[in-house]
Amino acid sequence: MASSMDIQILESDSDMEDSMEDNVLNSSNNVFPFPKFEKFFKINIKTKSGFKFLCLKCKKNISSNQSSSYNLKKHLKTVHANCYKEIEKHIKNFGLGESSLKKTNTIQTKLTDNKHANISQKLADKVIFDFIIDTVQPVSLVDNPSFTIMIKTLSPGTTVLCRQTLMNKIADNFKVMKDALIVELSDISYVCTTADSWTHNRRAYLGITGHWLDPITLKRRSVALALKRIIGCQTYDVLANKIINIHKSFRIHNKVCKMVTDNGSNYLKAFRIFGEDNAEDEIQNDSQHVLEEEEIGVDANDINEILEEGSSTNSTMLPSHHRCSCHNLNLIATVDAKGALNDEDFKRGGIY
């Protein structure tokens, strides 16, 4: 008997605890979970799974989950349409729901707590510079009033650098990066470069990349060497001059073993006229011509003039040319395949 009574007492105590837990008002935390409905509801009972709200209009209890206000919204929409329209109007004007209000309160708290933690002007300039470069923003963004207000709001006491200062910083950083790349390339014996040109918004551009093997790790290294604007037409001589000048600016004009381009006629002609392969053919032809006329006699020439002529010739020559394999395959799969369909020999072969 004693044991059964003890069991009954324990069960009744457990039931009382569950009942008390289900019916305790949310006195420890009086923050309304769904701020936009606070005007029309109040927390009546806090349960394990959520809340029971009391509608202030019709005094009806509405159950709701802790993370969802759907039942509250449904009650207002079906029973109190005017109240629901008022909430919708508030959201439309201010764009604030319970989730956005919670986020706003959190952000405001963080800003208030860190109001004295201002960053230095040097760090602010660096952050703005990195943002402009990494996101490829126009330099005119720093003159935008909204951008200035945003920076001064986030970091009071700092100023936004002007457009000219930003452009000077970009030029200085470019020089530092270029000088570091020149130093790195000075220890490399062989470099392969690629070139491609295109037109966008009636403006022509030339892009050149460089590739080499690290002498220690033997890993391939790749960099973007230049992106130059081409004024005028993309003729073979203009392209050749641009490529030669870019190679010289990085001091690799005597290290480029191959240059890869597409099969554009302007590139093919540029390397046919100014390329090393063409120069070697001319040297062979000249040597044969000299042997044939050897009987005529030998003229004495100044050695300095010969050396100067040789150096000037090498400085204006393009490296050995290599046609892009991917572009070749693309031409085979498009242009050549289309032409084969109209070829009589191909048709007679019965391939398709």
Protein backbone atom coordinates (compact mmCIF):
# COMPACT_ATOMS: atom_id res chain seq x y z
CA MET A 1 0.00 0.00 0.00
CA ALA A 2 2.75 2.42 0.92
CA SER A 3 4.57 1.83 -2.30
CA SER A 4 1.43 2.30 -4.41
CA MET A 5 0.61 5.52 -2.61
CA ASP A 6 4.14 6.77 -3.15
CA ILE A 7 3.78 6.01 -6.87
CA GLN A 8 0.48 7.88 -7.03
CA ILE A 9 1.97 10.86 -5.20
CA LEU A 10 4.98 10.91 -7.57
CA GLU A 11 2.69 10.74 -10.60
CA SER A 12 0.54 13.55 -9.32
CA ASP A 13 3.61 15.67 -8.59
CA SER A 14 4.87 15.05 -12.13
CA ASP A 15 1.51 16.03 -13.60
CA MET A 16 1.48 19.22 -11.54
CA GLU A 17 4.96 20.16 -12.80
CA ASP A 18 3.93 19.60 -16.43
CA SER A 19 0.76 21.59 -15.87
CA MET A 20 2.64 24.43 -14.23
CA GLU A 21 5.19 24.48 -17.04
CA ASP A 22 2.45 24.61 -19.65
CA ASN A 23 0.53 27.37 -17.92
CA VAL A 24 3.31 29.66 -16.75
CA LEU A 25 3.15 33.09 -18.33
CA ASN A 26 6.18 34.29 -20.13
CA SER A 27 7.27 36.48 -17.24
CA SER A 28 10.98 35.73 -17.58
CA ASN A 29 11.05 36.97 -21.14
CA ASN A 30 8.42 39.57 -21.92
CA VAL A 31 9.69 40.23 -25.47
CA PHE A 32 6.87 39.67 -27.93
CA PRO A 33 8.13 37.08 -30.49
CA PHE A 34 6.26 38.62 -33.46
CA PRO A 35 6.51 42.43 -33.15
CA LYS A 36 4.20 43.30 -36.03
CA PHE A 37 1.26 41.50 -34.29
CA GLU A 38 1.90 42.98 -30.84
CA LYS A 39 -0.79 45.59 -31.35
CA PHE A 40 -3.54 42.96 -31.73
CA PHE A 41 -2.36 40.06 -29.54
CA LYS A 42 -0.79 39.43 -26.17
CA ILE A 43 0.87 36.32 -24.79
CA ASN A 44 -1.61 34.41 -22.69
CA ILE A 45 0.13 31.10 -22.05
CA LYS A 46 3.59 29.76 -22.89
CA THR A 47 3.66 26.06 -23.76
CA LYS A 48 6.42 23.62 -24.61
CA SER A 49 5.82 23.93 -28.34
CA GLY A 50 5.07 27.64 -28.52
CA PHE A 51 2.53 30.17 -27.26
CA LYS A 52 -1.16 30.75 -26.82
CA PHE A 53 -2.02 34.31 -27.76
CA LEU A 54 -5.11 36.23 -26.72
CA CYS A 55 -6.68 38.28 -29.48
CA LEU A 56 -7.37 41.76 -28.09
CA LYS A 57 -10.25 42.22 -30.53
CA CYS A 58 -12.36 39.10 -30.01
CA LYS A 59 -10.72 37.64 -26.84
CA LYS A 60 -10.09 34.35 -28.59
CA ASN A 61 -7.05 32.18 -27.81
CA ILE A 62 -4.83 31.43 -30.83
CA SER A 63 -2.11 28.77 -30.65
CA SER A 64 1.15 29.45 -32.48
CA ASN A 65 4.54 27.86 -32.97
CA GLN A 66 7.61 29.58 -31.54
CA SER A 67 9.03 30.26 -35.00
CA SER A 68 5.89 30.90 -37.06
CA SER A 69 3.19 33.56 -36.92
CA TYR A 70 1.02 31.91 -39.58
CA ASN A 71 -1.95 31.25 -37.23
CA LEU A 72 -1.97 34.87 -36.06
CA LYS A 73 -1.87 36.11 -39.61
CA LYS A 74 -4.63 33.71 -40.66
CA HIS A 75 -6.86 34.80 -37.75
CA LEU A 76 -6.52 38.49 -38.60
CA LYS A 77 -7.02 37.87 -42.30
CA THR A 78 -10.22 35.87 -41.84
CA VAL A 79 -11.77 37.54 -38.77
CA HIS A 80 -10.32 41.05 -38.58
CA ALA A 81 -9.65 42.08 -42.17
CA ASN A 82 -9.10 45.76 -41.34
CA CYS A 83 -6.40 44.89 -38.81
CA TYR A 84 -4.70 42.66 -41.36
CA LYS A 85 -4.71 45.47 -43.95
CA GLU A 86 -3.13 47.78 -41.40
CA ILE A 87 -0.27 45.35 -40.86
CA GLU A 88 0.22 44.88 -44.61
CA LYS A 89 0.35 48.63 -45.09
CA HIS A 90 2.96 48.95 -42.34
CA ILE A 91 5.13 46.28 -43.94
CA LYS A 92 4.78 47.90 -47.38
CA ASN A 93 5.81 51.33 -46.07
CA PHE A 94 8.68 50.24 -43.84
CA GLY A 95 9.52 46.73 -45.05
CA LEU A 96 9.62 45.38 -41.50
CA GLY A 97 8.48 41.94 -40.44
CA GLU A 98 9.39 40.14 -37.26
CA SER A 99 12.57 38.67 -38.73
CA SER A 100 13.80 41.97 -40.14
CA LEU A 101 12.96 43.75 -36.88
CA LYS A 102 15.01 41.25 -34.93
CA LYS A 103 17.94 41.69 -37.33
CA THR A 104 17.62 45.47 -37.14
CA ASN A 105 17.65 45.39 -33.35
CA THR A 106 20.72 43.15 -33.38
CA ILE A 107 22.58 45.42 -35.82
CA GLN A 108 21.66 48.52 -33.85
CA THR A 109 22.90 46.87 -30.65
CA LYS A 110 26.22 45.98 -32.27
CA LEU A 111 26.65 49.48 -33.68
CA THR A 112 25.85 50.97 -30.27
CA ASP A 113 28.31 48.69 -28.52
CA ASN A 114 31.08 49.55 -31.01
CA LYS A 115 30.41 53.26 -31.40
CA HIS A 116 33.80 54.13 -29.93
CA ALA A 117 35.74 51.53 -31.94
CA ASN A 118 36.53 53.76 -34.94
CA ILE A 119 39.07 52.52 -37.48
CA SER A 120 42.04 54.59 -38.60
CA GLN A 121 42.01 56.65 -41.78
CA LYS A 122 44.74 54.46 -43.28
CA LEU A 123 42.72 51.31 -42.71
CA ALA A 124 39.57 52.97 -44.09
CA ASP A 125 41.43 53.93 -47.29
CA LYS A 126 42.73 50.37 -47.67
CA VAL A 127 39.25 48.86 -47.20
CA ILE A 128 37.76 51.23 -49.78
CA PHE A 129 40.62 50.55 -52.22
CA ASP A 130 40.25 46.76 -51.88
CA PHE A 131 36.49 47.01 -52.34
CA ILE A 132 36.84 49.04 -55.56
CA ILE A 133 39.45 46.68 -57.03
CA ASP A 134 37.99 43.33 -55.94
CA THR A 135 34.46 44.14 -57.10
CA VAL A 136 35.63 46.00 -60.26
CA GLN A 137 33.71 49.14 -59.35
CA PRO A 138 34.14 52.45 -61.25
CA VAL A 139 36.44 54.90 -59.50
CA SER A 140 33.62 57.46 -59.62
CA LEU A 141 31.90 55.48 -56.85
CA VAL A 142 33.87 57.37 -54.20
CA ASP A 143 32.21 60.61 -55.34
CA ASN A 144 28.74 59.17 -54.85
CA PRO A 145 27.01 60.92 -51.89
CA SER A 146 25.33 57.70 -50.73
CA PHE A 147 28.67 55.88 -50.63
CA THR A 148 30.20 58.72 -48.62
CA ILE A 149 27.30 58.67 -46.14
CA MET A 150 27.62 54.90 -45.73
CA ILE A 151 31.36 55.08 -44.94
CA LYS A 152 30.95 57.97 -42.50
CA THR A 153 28.04 56.22 -40.79
CA LEU A 154 29.95 52.97 -40.34
CA SER A 155 33.12 54.74 -39.25
CA PRO A 156 32.50 58.26 -37.91
CA GLY A 157 35.52 60.51 -38.09
CA THR A 158 36.96 59.06 -41.29
CA THR A 159 36.84 60.68 -44.71
CA VAL A 160 36.40 59.09 -48.13
CA LEU A 161 39.35 59.50 -50.48
CA CYS A 162 38.62 61.43 -53.68
CA ARG A 163 38.70 60.02 -57.19
CA GLN A 164 42.13 61.43 -58.06
CA THR A 165 43.68 60.01 -54.88
CA LEU A 166 42.16 56.62 -55.65
CA MET A 167 43.52 56.68 -59.21
CA ASN A 168 46.98 57.58 -57.88
CA LYS A 169 46.80 54.67 -55.44
CA ILE A 170 45.83 52.30 -58.27
CA ALA A 171 48.76 53.51 -60.38
CA ASP A 172 51.19 53.14 -57.46
CA ASN A 173 49.99 49.63 -56.64
CA PHE A 174 50.22 48.66 -60.31
CA LYS A 175 53.85 49.82 -60.42
CA VAL A 176 54.69 47.86 -57.28
CA MET A 177 53.08 44.69 -58.68
CA LYS A 178 54.79 45.12 -62.05
CA ASP A 179 58.22 45.67 -60.50
CA ALA A 180 57.80 42.56 -58.33
CA LEU A 181 56.80 40.54 -61.40
CA ILE A 182 59.81 41.80 -63.37
CA VAL A 183 62.10 40.69 -60.54
CA GLU A 184 60.48 37.26 -60.47
CA LEU A 185 60.71 36.86 -64.25
CA SER A 186 64.40 37.85 -64.22
CA ASP A 187 65.23 34.40 -62.82
CA ILE A 188 63.18 32.55 -65.44
CA SER A 189 64.86 31.35 -68.64
CA TYR A 190 61.84 30.43 -70.74
CA VAL A 191 58.40 32.04 -70.88
CA CYS A 192 55.36 31.27 -73.02
CA THR A 193 52.87 34.06 -73.69
CA THR A 194 49.38 34.20 -75.16
CA ALA A 195 47.62 37.06 -76.93
CA ASP A 196 44.03 37.76 -77.84
CA SER A 197 42.19 40.87 -78.99
CA TRP A 198 38.50 41.73 -79.09
CA THR A 199 36.09 44.61 -79.52
CA HIS A 200 33.51 45.79 -76.97
CA ASN A 201 31.34 48.87 -77.33
CA ARG A 202 33.35 49.95 -80.37
CA ARG A 203 36.59 49.79 -78.42
CA ALA A 204 39.35 47.29 -79.17
CA TYR A 205 41.52 45.67 -76.50
CA LEU A 206 44.57 43.41 -76.43
CA GLY A 207 45.18 40.99 -73.57
CA ILE A 208 48.46 39.15 -72.96
CA THR A 209 49.19 36.45 -70.39
CA GLY A 210 52.48 34.83 -69.37
CA HIS A 211 53.19 31.22 -68.35
CA TRP A 212 56.29 29.45 -67.06
CA LEU A 213 57.47 26.57 -64.86
CA ASP A 214 58.77 27.31 -61.40
CA PRO A 215 62.43 26.21 -61.45
CA ILE A 216 62.17 24.74 -57.93
CA THR A 217 58.72 23.19 -57.67
CA LEU A 218 58.16 22.72 -61.44
CA LYS A 219 54.62 23.99 -61.00
CA ARG A 220 53.09 26.08 -63.77
CA ARG A 221 52.80 29.77 -63.02
CA SER A 222 50.42 32.06 -64.89
CA VAL A 223 49.95 35.82 -64.76
CA ALA A 224 48.10 38.51 -66.68
CA LEU A 225 50.78 40.73 -68.17
CA ALA A 226 48.73 43.45 -69.83
CA LEU A 227 45.34 44.63 -71.00
CA LYS A 228 45.90 47.41 -73.52
CA ARG A 229 43.50 49.59 -75.46
CA ILE A 230 44.02 49.47 -79.23
CA ILE A 231 43.41 52.77 -80.95
CA GLY A 232 42.29 52.30 -84.54
CA CYS A 233 42.06 49.06 -86.48
CA GLN A 234 43.53 45.77 -85.30
CA THR A 235 45.95 45.48 -88.19
CA TYR A 236 48.94 43.13 -88.16
CA ASP A 237 51.52 45.88 -87.67
CA VAL A 238 49.62 47.48 -84.77
CA LEU A 239 49.32 44.12 -83.01
CA ALA A 240 52.98 43.32 -83.60
CA ASN A 241 54.09 46.68 -82.18
CA LYS A 242 51.89 46.28 -79.08
CA ILE A 243 53.11 42.74 -78.37
CA ILE A 244 56.78 43.67 -78.79
CA ASN A 245 56.45 46.68 -76.46
CA ILE A 246 54.70 44.63 -73.76
CA HIS A 247 57.40 41.95 -73.91
CA LYS A 248 60.05 44.64 -73.60
CA SER A 249 58.32 46.34 -70.66
CA PHE A 250 58.57 43.09 -68.66
CA ARG A 251 62.09 42.39 -70.00
CA ILE A 252 61.15 39.00 -71.44
CA HIS A 253 61.52 39.82 -75.16
CA ASN A 254 64.55 37.50 -75.33
CA LYS A 255 62.97 34.78 -73.14
CA VAL A 256 59.68 34.06 -74.91
CA CYS A 257 60.04 30.65 -76.56
CA LYS A 258 56.50 30.52 -78.00
CA MET A 259 53.50 32.78 -78.32
CA VAL A 260 50.02 31.30 -78.67
CA THR A 261 47.25 33.10 -80.59
CA ASP A 262 44.12 32.18 -82.48
CA ASN A 263 43.99 31.77 -86.26
CA GLY A 264 43.02 35.37 -87.01
CA SER A 265 44.45 36.62 -90.29
CA ASN A 266 45.94 39.69 -88.59
CA TYR A 267 47.91 37.54 -86.14
CA LEU A 268 49.05 35.14 -88.84
CA LYS A 269 50.33 38.00 -90.97
CA ALA A 270 52.00 39.70 -88.00
CA PHE A 271 54.04 36.58 -87.22
CA ARG A 272 54.66 35.93 -90.90
CA ILE A 273 56.16 39.40 -91.34
CA PHE A 274 57.78 40.05 -87.94
CA GLY A 275 58.16 36.53 -86.50
CA GLU A 276 61.37 34.68 -85.70
CA ASP A 277 60.41 31.79 -87.97
CA ASN A 278 60.28 34.13 -90.97
CA ALA A 279 63.56 35.77 -89.95
CA GLU A 280 65.32 32.38 -89.86
CA ASP A 281 64.07 31.62 -93.38
CA GLU A 282 65.37 34.97 -94.59
CA ILE A 283 68.77 34.32 -92.98
CA GLN A 284 69.01 30.95 -94.75
CA ASN A 285 68.07 32.56 -98.06
CA ASP A 286 70.62 35.33 -97.52
CA SER A 287 73.37 32.82 -96.71
CA GLN A 288 72.68 30.90 -99.90
CA HIS A 289 72.69 34.16 -101.85
CA VAL A 290 76.10 35.08 -100.37
CA LEU A 291 77.58 31.73 -101.30
CA GLU A 292 76.45 32.14 -104.90
CA GLU A 293 78.06 35.59 -105.15
CA GLU A 294 81.23 34.66 -103.23
CA GLU A 295 83.30 34.84 -106.40
CA ILE A 296 82.51 38.54 -106.87
CA GLY A 297 84.52 39.63 -103.83
CA VAL A 298 84.22 40.58 -100.17
CA ASP A 299 83.43 44.09 -98.89
CA ALA A 300 84.79 45.37 -95.56
CA ASN A 301 82.11 46.58 -93.14
CA ASP A 302 82.25 48.30 -89.76
CA ILE A 303 81.66 45.72 -86.99
CA ASN A 304 79.79 48.27 -84.82
CA GLU A 305 77.24 48.88 -87.58
CA ILE A 306 76.68 45.14 -87.97
CA LEU A 307 76.12 44.65 -84.21
CA GLU A 308 73.76 47.62 -84.00
CA GLU A 309 71.78 46.38 -86.98
CA GLY A 310 71.51 42.91 -85.46
CA SER A 311 70.33 44.20 -82.10
CA SER A 312 67.72 46.46 -83.66
CA THR A 313 66.43 43.60 -85.79
CA ASN A 314 66.03 41.25 -82.80
CA SER A 315 64.28 43.91 -80.72
CA THR A 316 61.53 44.32 -83.29
CA MET A 317 60.86 40.63 -83.87
CA LEU A 318 57.99 38.58 -82.53
CA PRO A 319 58.73 35.21 -80.91
CA SER A 320 58.03 31.87 -82.52
CA HIS A 321 54.31 31.44 -83.21
CA HIS A 322 52.00 28.59 -82.16
CA ARG A 323 48.36 28.43 -83.24
CA CYS A 324 45.89 27.70 -80.46
CA SER A 325 44.98 23.99 -80.56
CA CYS A 326 41.54 24.60 -79.06
CA HIS A 327 40.77 27.16 -81.74
CA ASN A 328 41.94 24.72 -84.42
CA LEU A 329 39.59 22.01 -83.11
CA ASN A 330 36.76 24.53 -82.96
CA LEU A 331 37.32 25.48 -86.60
CA ILE A 332 37.37 21.80 -87.60
CA ALA A 333 34.09 21.12 -85.80
CA THR A 334 32.34 24.18 -87.25
CA VAL A 335 33.78 25.67 -90.44
CA ASP A 336 35.52 22.58 -91.87
CA ALA A 337 32.65 20.24 -91.00
CA LYS A 338 30.16 22.56 -92.65
CA GLY A 339 32.34 22.82 -95.74
CA ALA A 340 32.68 19.05 -95.93
CA LEU A 341 28.92 18.67 -96.29
CA ASN A 342 29.14 20.56 -99.60
CA ASP A 343 32.21 18.66 -100.84
CA GLU A 344 31.43 16.21 -103.67
CA ASP A 345 34.31 13.83 -102.82
CA PHE A 346 33.13 13.70 -99.23
CA LYS A 347 29.56 12.92 -100.36
CA ARG A 348 30.71 10.16 -102.69
CA GLY A 349 32.60 8.58 -99.87
CA GLY A 350 29.30 7.69 -98.20
CA ILE A 351 30.50 8.77 -94.75
CA TYR A 352 27.10 10.17 -93.82
